[in-house]
């Protein structure tokens, strides 16, 4: 599946282990992994996907620490992080993502 650029894994309960395998798909530019029980470790792995421009990681368990990892994805233009138990600290990290043209939190 080397030609795949968009992946939608909505509500599959893949967790951090599944995020590990997805993070190896370096050709993806669009990724929907909402409602998958992804936590801090999974968000760290996903944040290493430097080719992504669209990420929907809503409805997971990334919290403030995971938000910090996601905020380091300077190539993202669209991000949905709603429903992730992100507090003021995490929101502060995300607010630094000036390149975003679409944000749902």
PDB file of N, CA and C in Angstrom:
ATOM      1  N   UNK A   1       0.832  -1.194   0.000  1.00  0.00           N
ATOM      2  CA  UNK A   1       0.000   0.000   0.000  1.00  0.00           C
ATOM      3  C   UNK A   1       0.872   1.251   0.000  1.00  0.00           C
ATOM      4  N   UNK A   2       1.922   1.235  -0.735  1.00  0.00           N
ATOM      5  CA  UNK A   2       2.857   2.361  -0.793  1.00  0.00           C
ATOM      6  C   UNK A   2       2.236   3.602  -1.416  1.00  0.00           C
ATOM      7  N   UNK A   3       1.195   3.437  -2.252  1.00  0.00           N
ATOM      8  CA  UNK A   3       0.583   4.565  -2.935  1.00  0.00           C
ATOM      9  C   UNK A   3      -0.505   5.242  -2.094  1.00  0.00           C
ATOM     10  N   UNK A   4      -0.874   4.662  -0.958  1.00  0.00           N
ATOM     11  CA  UNK A   4      -1.935   5.187  -0.106  1.00  0.00           C
ATOM     12  C   UNK A   4      -1.500   6.505   0.528  1.00  0.00           C
ATOM     13  N   UNK A   5      -2.297   7.564   0.332  1.00  0.00           N
ATOM     14  CA  UNK A   5      -1.982   8.861   0.928  1.00  0.00           C
ATOM     15  C   UNK A   5      -3.010   9.288   1.976  1.00  0.00           C
ATOM     16  N   UNK A   6      -4.158   8.628   2.013  1.00  0.00           N
ATOM     17  CA  UNK A   6      -5.220   8.976   2.957  1.00  0.00           C
ATOM     18  C   UNK A   6      -5.733   7.697   3.622  1.00  0.00           C
ATOM     19  N   UNK A   7      -5.860   7.746   4.961  1.00  0.00           N
ATOM     20  CA  UNK A   7      -6.315   6.578   5.712  1.00  0.00           C
ATOM     21  C   UNK A   7      -7.332   7.006   6.750  1.00  0.00           C
ATOM     22  N   UNK A   8      -8.467   6.308   6.795  1.00  0.00           N
ATOM     23  CA  UNK A   8      -9.528   6.561   7.775  1.00  0.00           C
ATOM     24  C   UNK A   8      -9.716   5.298   8.605  1.00  0.00           C
ATOM     25  N   UNK A   9      -9.294   5.361   9.865  1.00  0.00           N
ATOM     26  CA  UNK A   9      -9.397   4.223  10.789  1.00  0.00           C
ATOM     27  C   UNK A   9     -10.371   4.542  11.923  1.00  0.00           C
ATOM     28  N   UNK A  10     -11.402   5.293  11.624  1.00  0.00           N
ATOM     29  CA  UNK A  10     -12.397   5.731  12.603  1.00  0.00           C
ATOM     30  C   UNK A  10     -12.935   4.562  13.439  1.00  0.00           C
ATOM     31  N   UNK A  11     -12.856   4.697  14.766  1.00  0.00           N
ATOM     32  CA  UNK A  11     -13.501   3.798  15.727  1.00  0.00           C
ATOM     33  C   UNK A  11     -13.126   2.327  15.548  1.00  0.00           C
ATOM     34  N   UNK A  12     -11.835   2.046  15.599  1.00  0.00           N
ATOM     35  CA  UNK A  12     -11.368   0.664  15.479  1.00  0.00           C
ATOM     36  C   UNK A  12     -10.638   0.159  16.714  1.00  0.00           C
ATOM     37  N   UNK A  13     -10.526   0.993  17.756  1.00  0.00           N
ATOM     38  CA  UNK A  13      -9.906   0.593  19.019  1.00  0.00           C
ATOM     39  C   UNK A  13      -8.479   0.068  18.834  1.00  0.00           C
ATOM     40  N   UNK A  14      -7.702   0.723  17.993  1.00  0.00           N
ATOM     41  CA  UNK A  14      -6.354   0.242  17.682  1.00  0.00           C
ATOM     42  C   UNK A  14      -5.343   0.529  18.789  1.00  0.00           C
ATOM     43  N   UNK A  15      -5.594   1.527  19.615  1.00  0.00           N
ATOM     44  CA  UNK A  15      -4.703   1.849  20.720  1.00  0.00           C
ATOM     45  C   UNK A  15      -3.327   2.306  20.263  1.00  0.00           C
ATOM     46  N   UNK A  16      -2.419   2.381  21.221  1.00  0.00           N
ATOM     47  CA  UNK A  16      -1.062   2.829  20.936  1.00  0.00           C
ATOM     48  C   UNK A  16      -0.320   1.840  20.038  1.00  0.00           C
ATOM     49  N   UNK A  17      -0.613   0.559  20.184  1.00  0.00           N
ATOM     50  CA  UNK A  17       0.037  -0.458  19.356  1.00  0.00           C
ATOM     51  C   UNK A  17      -0.311  -0.259  17.884  1.00  0.00           C
ATOM     52  N   UNK A  18      -1.582  -0.001  17.599  1.00  0.00           N
ATOM     53  CA  UNK A  18      -1.992   0.262  16.216  1.00  0.00           C
ATOM     54  C   UNK A  18      -1.394   1.550  15.678  1.00  0.00           C
ATOM     55  N   UNK A  19      -1.290   2.552  16.554  1.00  0.00           N
ATOM     56  CA  UNK A  19      -0.684   3.818  16.144  1.00  0.00           C
ATOM     57  C   UNK A  19       0.761   3.606  15.718  1.00  0.00           C
ATOM     58  N   UNK A  20       1.431   2.657  16.367  1.00  0.00           N
ATOM     59  CA  UNK A  20       2.819   2.349  16.010  1.00  0.00           C
ATOM     60  C   UNK A  20       2.898   1.901  14.552  1.00  0.00           C
ATOM     61  N   UNK A  21       2.015   1.014  14.141  1.00  0.00           N
ATOM     62  CA  UNK A  21       2.039   0.507  12.765  1.00  0.00           C
ATOM     63  C   UNK A  21       1.649   1.592  11.755  1.00  0.00           C
ATOM     64  N   UNK A  22       0.662   2.386  12.119  1.00  0.00           N
ATOM     65  CA  UNK A  22       0.238   3.471  11.229  1.00  0.00           C
ATOM     66  C   UNK A  22       1.360   4.493  11.048  1.00  0.00           C
ATOM     67  N   UNK A  23       2.104   4.766  12.114  1.00  0.00           N
ATOM     68  CA  UNK A  23       3.175   5.768  12.040  1.00  0.00           C
ATOM     69  C   UNK A  23       4.280   5.366  11.057  1.00  0.00           C
ATOM     70  N   UNK A  24       4.328   4.107  10.695  1.00  0.00           N
ATOM     71  CA  UNK A  24       5.320   3.631   9.732  1.00  0.00           C
ATOM     72  C   UNK A  24       4.903   3.894   8.285  1.00  0.00           C
ATOM     73  N   UNK A  25       3.672   4.354   8.083  1.00  0.00           N
ATOM     74  CA  UNK A  25       3.154   4.639   6.739  1.00  0.00           C
ATOM     75  C   UNK A  25       3.552   6.067   6.360  1.00  0.00           C
ATOM     76  N   UNK A  26       4.786   6.215   5.960  1.00  0.00           N
ATOM     77  CA  UNK A  26       5.389   7.531   5.750  1.00  0.00           C
ATOM     78  C   UNK A  26       4.813   8.308   4.571  1.00  0.00           C
ATOM     79  N   UNK A  27       4.036   7.674   3.709  1.00  0.00           N
ATOM     80  CA  UNK A  27       3.487   8.363   2.544  1.00  0.00           C
ATOM     81  C   UNK A  27       2.145   9.048   2.845  1.00  0.00           C
ATOM     82  N   UNK A  28       1.541   8.778   3.999  1.00  0.00           N
ATOM     83  CA  UNK A  28       0.230   9.358   4.316  1.00  0.00           C
ATOM     84  C   UNK A  28       0.307  10.869   4.477  1.00  0.00           C
ATOM     85  N   UNK A  29      -0.663  11.563   3.902  1.00  0.00           N
ATOM     86  CA  UNK A  29      -0.795  13.006   4.110  1.00  0.00           C
ATOM     87  C   UNK A  29      -2.076  13.345   4.874  1.00  0.00           C
ATOM     88  N   UNK A  30      -3.020  12.400   4.925  1.00  0.00           N
ATOM     89  CA  UNK A  30      -4.297  12.599   5.604  1.00  0.00           C
ATOM     90  C   UNK A  30      -4.598  11.373   6.461  1.00  0.00           C
ATOM     91  N   UNK A  31      -4.904  11.603   7.755  1.00  0.00           N
ATOM     92  CA  UNK A  31      -5.117  10.492   8.679  1.00  0.00           C
ATOM     93  C   UNK A  31      -6.254  10.794   9.641  1.00  0.00           C
ATOM     94  N   UNK A  32      -7.221   9.884   9.700  1.00  0.00           N
ATOM     95  CA  UNK A  32      -8.319   9.954  10.655  1.00  0.00           C
ATOM     96  C   UNK A  32      -8.196   8.744  11.578  1.00  0.00           C
ATOM     97  N   UNK A  33      -7.852   8.999  12.835  1.00  0.00           N
ATOM     98  CA  UNK A  33      -7.729   7.929  13.820  1.00  0.00           C
ATOM     99  C   UNK A  33      -8.565   8.255  15.059  1.00  0.00           C
ATOM    100  N   UNK A  34      -9.717   8.852  14.852  1.00  0.00           N
ATOM    101  CA  UNK A  34     -10.557   9.214  15.995  1.00  0.00           C
ATOM    102  C   UNK A  34     -11.201   7.967  16.617  1.00  0.00           C
ATOM    103  N   UNK A  35     -11.453   8.070  17.910  1.00  0.00           N
ATOM    104  CA  UNK A  35     -12.084   7.014  18.716  1.00  0.00           C
ATOM    105  C   UNK A  35     -11.338   5.683  18.609  1.00  0.00           C
ATOM    106  N   UNK A  36     -10.070   5.705  18.991  1.00  0.00           N
ATOM    107  CA  UNK A  36      -9.241   4.509  18.887  1.00  0.00           C
ATOM    108  C   UNK A  36      -8.436   4.190  20.149  1.00  0.00           C
ATOM    109  N   UNK A  37      -8.741   4.808  21.259  1.00  0.00           N
ATOM    110  CA  UNK A  37      -8.039   4.559  22.529  1.00  0.00           C
ATOM    111  C   UNK A  37      -6.539   4.838  22.423  1.00  0.00           C
ATOM    112  N   UNK A  38      -6.191   5.862  21.668  1.00  0.00           N
ATOM    113  CA  UNK A  38      -4.795   6.249  21.521  1.00  0.00           C
ATOM    114  C   UNK A  38      -4.421   7.195  22.666  1.00  0.00           C
ATOM    115  N   UNK A  39      -3.317   6.898  23.308  1.00  0.00           N
ATOM    116  CA  UNK A  39      -2.855   7.693  24.444  1.00  0.00           C
ATOM    117  C   UNK A  39      -1.609   8.496  24.119  1.00  0.00           C
ATOM    118  N   UNK A  40      -0.854   8.788  25.150  1.00  0.00           N
ATOM    119  CA  UNK A  40       0.342   9.627  25.019  1.00  0.00           C
ATOM    120  C   UNK A  40       1.366   8.980  24.086  1.00  0.00           C
ATOM    121  N   UNK A  41       1.645   7.700  24.303  1.00  0.00           N
ATOM    122  CA  UNK A  41       2.651   7.020  23.475  1.00  0.00           C
ATOM    123  C   UNK A  41       2.243   7.010  22.003  1.00  0.00           C
ATOM    124  N   UNK A  42       0.974   6.755  21.740  1.00  0.00           N
ATOM    125  CA  UNK A  42       0.492   6.758  20.358  1.00  0.00           C
ATOM    126  C   UNK A  42       0.587   8.135  19.725  1.00  0.00           C
ATOM    127  N   UNK A  43       0.271   9.173  20.500  1.00  0.00           N
ATOM    128  CA  UNK A  43       0.365  10.526  19.949  1.00  0.00           C
ATOM    129  C   UNK A  43       1.818  10.899  19.656  1.00  0.00           C
ATOM    130  N   UNK A  44       2.734  10.394  20.465  1.00  0.00           N
ATOM    131  CA  UNK A  44       4.161  10.634  20.213  1.00  0.00           C
ATOM    132  C   UNK A  44       4.566   9.993  18.878  1.00  0.00           C
ATOM    133  N   UNK A  45       4.134   8.766  18.646  1.00  0.00           N
ATOM    134  CA  UNK A  45       4.456   8.072  17.394  1.00  0.00           C
ATOM    135  C   UNK A  45       3.852   8.790  16.192  1.00  0.00           C
ATOM    136  N   UNK A  46       2.606   9.187  16.306  1.00  0.00           N
ATOM    137  CA  UNK A  46       1.919   9.885  15.209  1.00  0.00           C
ATOM    138  C   UNK A  46       2.593  11.226  14.926  1.00  0.00           C
ATOM    139  N   UNK A  47       3.088  11.890  15.970  1.00  0.00           N
ATOM    140  CA  UNK A  47       3.722  13.201  15.782  1.00  0.00           C
ATOM    141  C   UNK A  47       4.993  13.115  14.942  1.00  0.00           C
ATOM    142  N   UNK A  48       5.530  11.937  14.795  1.00  0.00           N
ATOM    143  CA  UNK A  48       6.735  11.734  13.982  1.00  0.00           C
ATOM    144  C   UNK A  48       6.420  11.593  12.492  1.00  0.00           C
ATOM    145  N   UNK A  49       5.140  11.626  12.142  1.00  0.00           N
ATOM    146  CA  UNK A  49       4.714  11.518  10.739  1.00  0.00           C
ATOM    147  C   UNK A  49       4.774  12.914  10.103  1.00  0.00           C
ATOM    148  N   UNK A  50       5.949  13.296   9.671  1.00  0.00           N
ATOM    149  CA  UNK A  50       6.207  14.665   9.208  1.00  0.00           C
ATOM    150  C   UNK A  50       5.565  15.003   7.869  1.00  0.00           C
ATOM    151  N   UNK A  51       4.984  14.042   7.188  1.00  0.00           N
ATOM    152  CA  UNK A  51       4.337  14.295   5.908  1.00  0.00           C
ATOM    153  C   UNK A  51       2.846  14.614   6.062  1.00  0.00           C
ATOM    154  N   UNK A  52       2.269  14.363   7.231  1.00  0.00           N
ATOM    155  CA  UNK A  52       0.838  14.604   7.426  1.00  0.00           C
ATOM    156  C   UNK A  52       0.505  16.091   7.340  1.00  0.00           C
ATOM    157  N   UNK A  53      -0.571  16.412   6.633  1.00  0.00           N
ATOM    158  CA  UNK A  53      -1.064  17.780   6.629  1.00  0.00           C
ATOM    159  C   UNK A  53      -2.458  17.860   7.257  1.00  0.00           C
ATOM    160  N   UNK A  54      -3.169  16.721   7.314  1.00  0.00           N
ATOM    161  CA  UNK A  54      -4.488  16.657   7.942  1.00  0.00           C
ATOM    162  C   UNK A  54      -4.488  15.525   8.953  1.00  0.00           C
ATOM    163  N   UNK A  55      -4.877  15.829  10.198  1.00  0.00           N
ATOM    164  CA  UNK A  55      -4.932  14.826  11.259  1.00  0.00           C
ATOM    165  C   UNK A  55      -6.200  15.001  12.078  1.00  0.00           C
ATOM    166  N   UNK A  56      -6.969  13.919  12.188  1.00  0.00           N
ATOM    167  CA  UNK A  56      -8.118  13.861  13.092  1.00  0.00           C
ATOM    168  C   UNK A  56      -7.800  12.796  14.134  1.00  0.00           C
ATOM    169  N   UNK A  57      -7.483  13.256  15.335  1.00  0.00           N
ATOM    170  CA  UNK A  57      -7.151  12.351  16.438  1.00  0.00           C
ATOM    171  C   UNK A  57      -8.148  12.575  17.583  1.00  0.00           C
ATOM    172  N   UNK A  58      -9.356  12.978  17.226  1.00  0.00           N
ATOM    173  CA  UNK A  58     -10.391  13.285  18.221  1.00  0.00           C
ATOM    174  C   UNK A  58     -10.877  12.014  18.929  1.00  0.00           C
ATOM    175  N   UNK A  59     -11.442  12.216  20.125  1.00  0.00           N
ATOM    176  CA  UNK A  59     -12.039  11.118  20.870  1.00  0.00           C
ATOM    177  C   UNK A  59     -11.049  10.082  21.360  1.00  0.00           C
ATOM    178  N   UNK A  60      -9.836  10.492  21.633  1.00  0.00           N
ATOM    179  CA  UNK A  60      -8.830   9.579  22.159  1.00  0.00           C
ATOM    180  C   UNK A  60      -8.435  10.003  23.572  1.00  0.00           C
ATOM    181  N   UNK A  61      -7.267   9.618  24.031  1.00  0.00           N
ATOM    182  CA  UNK A  61      -6.858   9.849  25.417  1.00  0.00           C
ATOM    183  C   UNK A  61      -5.485  10.501  25.495  1.00  0.00           C
ATOM    184  N   UNK A  62      -5.234  11.488  24.623  1.00  0.00           N
ATOM    185  CA  UNK A  62      -3.876  12.025  24.532  1.00  0.00           C
ATOM    186  C   UNK A  62      -3.528  13.006  25.655  1.00  0.00           C
ATOM    187  N   UNK A  63      -4.488  13.695  26.220  1.00  0.00           N
ATOM    188  CA  UNK A  63      -4.230  14.625  27.316  1.00  0.00           C
ATOM    189  C   UNK A  63      -3.262  15.736  26.948  1.00  0.00           C
ATOM    190  N   UNK A  64      -2.774  16.424  27.967  1.00  0.00           N
ATOM    191  CA  UNK A  64      -1.863  17.559  27.760  1.00  0.00           C
ATOM    192  C   UNK A  64      -0.527  17.128  27.165  1.00  0.00           C
ATOM    193  N   UNK A  65       0.013  16.010  27.638  1.00  0.00           N
ATOM    194  CA  UNK A  65       1.318  15.564  27.147  1.00  0.00           C
ATOM    195  C   UNK A  65       1.246  15.165  25.670  1.00  0.00           C
ATOM    196  N   UNK A  66       0.177  14.480  25.297  1.00  0.00           N
ATOM    197  CA  UNK A  66      -0.006  14.125  23.895  1.00  0.00           C
ATOM    198  C   UNK A  66      -0.203  15.348  23.025  1.00  0.00           C
ATOM    199  N   UNK A  67      -0.899  16.350  23.555  1.00  0.00           N
ATOM    200  CA  UNK A  67      -1.095  17.602  22.815  1.00  0.00           C
ATOM    201  C   UNK A  67       0.240  18.278  22.549  1.00  0.00           C
ATOM    202  N   UNK A  68       1.161  18.150  23.496  1.00  0.00           N
ATOM    203  CA  UNK A  68       2.493  18.724  23.299  1.00  0.00           C
ATOM    204  C   UNK A  68       3.169  18.067  22.095  1.00  0.00           C
ATOM    205  N   UNK A  69       3.100  16.745  22.008  1.00  0.00           N
ATOM    206  CA  UNK A  69       3.693  16.043  20.860  1.00  0.00           C
ATOM    207  C   UNK A  69       3.039  16.476  19.549  1.00  0.00           C
ATOM    208  N   UNK A  70       1.723  16.519  19.537  1.00  0.00           N
ATOM    209  CA  UNK A  70       0.999  16.894  18.319  1.00  0.00           C
ATOM    210  C   UNK A  70       1.338  18.334  17.910  1.00  0.00           C
ATOM    211  N   UNK A  71       1.524  19.209  18.892  1.00  0.00           N
ATOM    212  CA  UNK A  71       1.830  20.615  18.586  1.00  0.00           C
ATOM    213  C   UNK A  71       3.162  20.781  17.864  1.00  0.00           C
ATOM    214  N   UNK A  72       4.007  19.786  17.922  1.00  0.00           N
ATOM    215  CA  UNK A  72       5.301  19.838  17.244  1.00  0.00           C
ATOM    216  C   UNK A  72       5.200  19.504  15.755  1.00  0.00           C
ATOM    217  N   UNK A  73       3.999  19.180  15.290  1.00  0.00           N
ATOM    218  CA  UNK A  73       3.783  18.830  13.878  1.00  0.00           C
ATOM    219  C   UNK A  73       3.557  20.117  13.081  1.00  0.00           C
ATOM    220  N   UNK A  74       4.640  20.776  12.730  1.00  0.00           N
ATOM    221  CA  UNK A  74       4.581  22.093  12.093  1.00  0.00           C
ATOM    222  C   UNK A  74       4.065  22.061  10.656  1.00  0.00           C
ATOM    223  N   UNK A  75       3.961  20.883  10.057  1.00  0.00           N
ATOM    224  CA  UNK A  75       3.473  20.776   8.691  1.00  0.00           C
ATOM    225  C   UNK A  75       1.940  20.655   8.633  1.00  0.00           C
ATOM    226  N   UNK A  76       1.283  20.386   9.757  1.00  0.00           N
ATOM    227  CA  UNK A  76      -0.186  20.232   9.763  1.00  0.00           C
ATOM    228  C   UNK A  76      -0.877  21.532   9.385  1.00  0.00           C
ATOM    229  N   UNK A  77      -1.921  21.422   8.568  1.00  0.00           N
ATOM    230  CA  UNK A  77      -2.772  22.584   8.290  1.00  0.00           C
ATOM    231  C   UNK A  77      -4.178  22.377   8.841  1.00  0.00           C
ATOM    232  N   UNK A  78      -4.563  21.119   9.092  1.00  0.00           N
ATOM    233  CA  UNK A  78      -5.892  20.816   9.615  1.00  0.00           C
ATOM    234  C   UNK A  78      -5.761  19.819  10.762  1.00  0.00           C
ATOM    235  N   UNK A  79      -6.390  20.146  11.907  1.00  0.00           N
ATOM    236  CA  UNK A  79      -6.273  19.316  13.102  1.00  0.00           C
ATOM    237  C   UNK A  79      -7.583  19.277  13.866  1.00  0.00           C
ATOM    238  N   UNK A  80      -8.012  18.065  14.232  1.00  0.00           N
ATOM    239  CA  UNK A  80      -9.154  17.876  15.129  1.00  0.00           C
ATOM    240  C   UNK A  80      -8.650  17.098  16.339  1.00  0.00           C
ATOM    241  N   UNK A  81      -8.644  17.748  17.495  1.00  0.00           N
ATOM    242  CA  UNK A  81      -8.204  17.107  18.736  1.00  0.00           C
ATOM    243  C   UNK A  81      -9.306  17.134  19.789  1.00  0.00           C
ATOM    244  N   UNK A  82     -10.543  17.309  19.376  1.00  0.00           N
ATOM    245  CA  UNK A  82     -11.656  17.387  20.320  1.00  0.00           C
ATOM    246  C   UNK A  82     -11.807  16.058  21.077  1.00  0.00           C
ATOM    247  N   UNK A  83     -12.345  16.144  22.295  1.00  0.00           N
ATOM    248  CA  UNK A  83     -12.626  14.949  23.082  1.00  0.00           C
ATOM    249  C   UNK A  83     -11.395  14.196  23.541  1.00  0.00           C
ATOM    250  N   UNK A  84     -10.349  14.914  23.951  1.00  0.00           N
ATOM    251  CA  UNK A  84      -9.098  14.271  24.347  1.00  0.00           C
ATOM    252  C   UNK A  84      -8.640  14.619  25.760  1.00  0.00           C
ATOM    253  N   UNK A  85      -9.498  15.154  26.580  1.00  0.00           N
ATOM    254  CA  UNK A  85      -9.157  15.518  27.956  1.00  0.00           C
ATOM    255  C   UNK A  85      -7.930  16.428  28.001  1.00  0.00           C
ATOM    256  N   UNK A  86      -7.933  17.412  27.120  1.00  0.00           N
ATOM    257  CA  UNK A  86      -6.835  18.376  27.072  1.00  0.00           C
ATOM    258  C   UNK A  86      -7.209  19.581  27.924  1.00  0.00           C
ATOM    259  N   UNK A  87      -6.320  19.925  28.840  1.00  0.00           N
ATOM    260  CA  UNK A  87      -6.549  21.057  29.733  1.00  0.00           C
ATOM    261  C   UNK A  87      -5.890  22.321  29.214  1.00  0.00           C
ATOM    262  N   UNK A  88      -5.720  23.273  30.110  1.00  0.00           N
ATOM    263  CA  UNK A  88      -5.125  24.565  29.752  1.00  0.00           C
ATOM    264  C   UNK A  88      -3.705  24.413  29.206  1.00  0.00           C
ATOM    265  N   UNK A  89      -2.926  23.539  29.815  1.00  0.00           N
ATOM    266  CA  UNK A  89      -1.549  23.341  29.374  1.00  0.00           C
ATOM    267  C   UNK A  89      -1.505  22.831  27.928  1.00  0.00           C
ATOM    268  N   UNK A  90      -2.305  21.825  27.638  1.00  0.00           N
ATOM    269  CA  UNK A  90      -2.353  21.279  26.285  1.00  0.00           C
ATOM    270  C   UNK A  90      -2.883  22.278  25.279  1.00  0.00           C
ATOM    271  N   UNK A  91      -3.896  23.039  25.681  1.00  0.00           N
ATOM    272  CA  UNK A  91      -4.456  24.064  24.794  1.00  0.00           C
ATOM    273  C   UNK A  91      -3.410  25.120  24.473  1.00  0.00           C
ATOM    274  N   UNK A  92      -2.570  25.417  25.454  1.00  0.00           N
ATOM    275  CA  UNK A  92      -1.492  26.377  25.245  1.00  0.00           C
ATOM    276  C   UNK A  92      -0.520  25.881  24.179  1.00  0.00           C
ATOM    277  N   UNK A  93      -0.164  24.597  24.231  1.00  0.00           N
ATOM    278  CA  UNK A  93       0.717  24.014  23.202  1.00  0.00           C
ATOM    279  C   UNK A  93       0.085  24.134  21.822  1.00  0.00           C
ATOM    280  N   UNK A  94      -1.181  23.761  21.721  1.00  0.00           N
ATOM    281  CA  UNK A  94      -1.880  23.768  20.431  1.00  0.00           C
ATOM    282  C   UNK A  94      -2.013  25.190  19.895  1.00  0.00           C
ATOM    283  N   UNK A  95      -2.176  26.163  20.785  1.00  0.00           N
ATOM    284  CA  UNK A  95      -2.332  27.557  20.346  1.00  0.00           C
ATOM    285  C   UNK A  95      -1.084  28.087  19.644  1.00  0.00           C
ATOM    286  N   UNK A  96       0.036  27.411  19.826  1.00  0.00           N
ATOM    287  CA  UNK A  96       1.280  27.816  19.176  1.00  0.00           C
ATOM    288  C   UNK A  96       1.364  27.335  17.721  1.00  0.00           C
ATOM    289  N   UNK A  97       0.387  26.558  17.275  1.00  0.00           N
ATOM    290  CA  UNK A  97       0.409  26.012  15.910  1.00  0.00           C
ATOM    291  C   UNK A  97      -0.172  27.040  14.934  1.00  0.00           C
ATOM    292  N   UNK A  98       0.588  28.062  14.659  1.00  0.00           N
ATOM    293  CA  UNK A  98       0.128  29.193  13.835  1.00  0.00           C
ATOM    294  C   UNK A  98      -0.146  28.820  12.392  1.00  0.00           C
ATOM    295  N   UNK A  99       0.381  27.695  11.925  1.00  0.00           N
ATOM    296  CA  UNK A  99       0.214  27.293  10.526  1.00  0.00           C
ATOM    297  C   UNK A  99      -1.162  26.679  10.257  1.00  0.00           C
ATOM    298  N   UNK A 100      -1.921  26.336  11.304  1.00  0.00           N
ATOM    299  CA  UNK A 100      -3.215  25.676  11.100  1.00  0.00           C
ATOM    300  C   UNK A 100      -4.211  26.592  10.398  1.00  0.00           C
ATOM    301  N   UNK A 101      -4.912  26.039   9.411  1.00  0.00           N
ATOM    302  CA  UNK A 101      -6.011  26.752   8.778  1.00  0.00           C
ATOM    303  C   UNK A 101      -7.355  26.199   9.245  1.00  0.00           C
ATOM    304  N   UNK A 102      -7.331  25.027   9.892  1.00  0.00           N
ATOM    305  CA  UNK A 102      -8.540  24.423  10.434  1.00  0.00           C
ATOM    306  C   UNK A 102      -8.195  23.739  11.750  1.00  0.00           C
ATOM    307  N   UNK A 103      -8.951  24.073  12.812  1.00  0.00           N
ATOM    308  CA  UNK A 103      -8.713  23.489  14.135  1.00  0.00           C
ATOM    309  C   UNK A 103     -10.046  23.232  14.814  1.00  0.00           C
ATOM    310  N   UNK A 104     -10.197  22.023  15.342  1.00  0.00           N
ATOM    311  CA  UNK A 104     -11.364  21.682  16.139  1.00  0.00           C
ATOM    312  C   UNK A 104     -10.837  21.113  17.445  1.00  0.00           C
ATOM    313  N   UNK A 105     -11.220  21.769  18.565  1.00  0.00           N
ATOM    314  CA  UNK A 105     -10.728  21.294  19.857  1.00  0.00           C
ATOM    315  C   UNK A 105     -11.819  21.232  20.891  1.00  0.00           C
TER     316      UNK A 105
END
